Amino acid sequence: MPTHYDTLGVSKSASTDEIKKAYRKLCMRYHPDVASSSSSTPTAQSKNADKFKRISEAYSILGNENKRRRYNFDISESGIQELRKKAAKARGTAGGGGNSFAATLPRNVLIGGILGIAGV
C-alpha cells in the first residue's frame, strides 16, 4: 500500500515547501476540472478524480506538521512491533511480554515521548 509520501512523490524528509510544491503540481495535472477537458473517456476521468482525492488526502496530512508527525508515528508502528518481537526473542520471552520496564509501557508513551507528541 503506497504511503502519502508515495502519493505526492516526495521523500519522508521533504520540507513543507517541497510537499506543497508537489501537491500543486499534481493538482494541476489531476484536478477534475482540468483533467476532464484533456481526458475524453469517462474511465480516465474517474481515475483522475480518484487520484485527485488521494492527492488531497495526502496533502491534508503531510501539509500539517502535527498531523504529519502523528502519521509518521502511525506508519512506523509496524516497525516498532517488529522490534519488540525481536527484543522479546533475545530476552527469551514469547510474545514481547517480558519484565523489561520499556516492555510494560504503552507504545504511545515510549514513542510519543521521543517525538515530543503530547497526548498521543
Foldseek 3Di string as FASTA:
>chain_A
DDDLCVLLVHDLPDDLVVLVVSLVVLCCCLPLVNPPVVDPDPVSSVVSVVSNVSSVVSCVQCNDVLSSLVSVVVVCVVVVLVVLQVVCVVVVHHPSQDDDPVSPDDPCVVVCVVSVNPPD
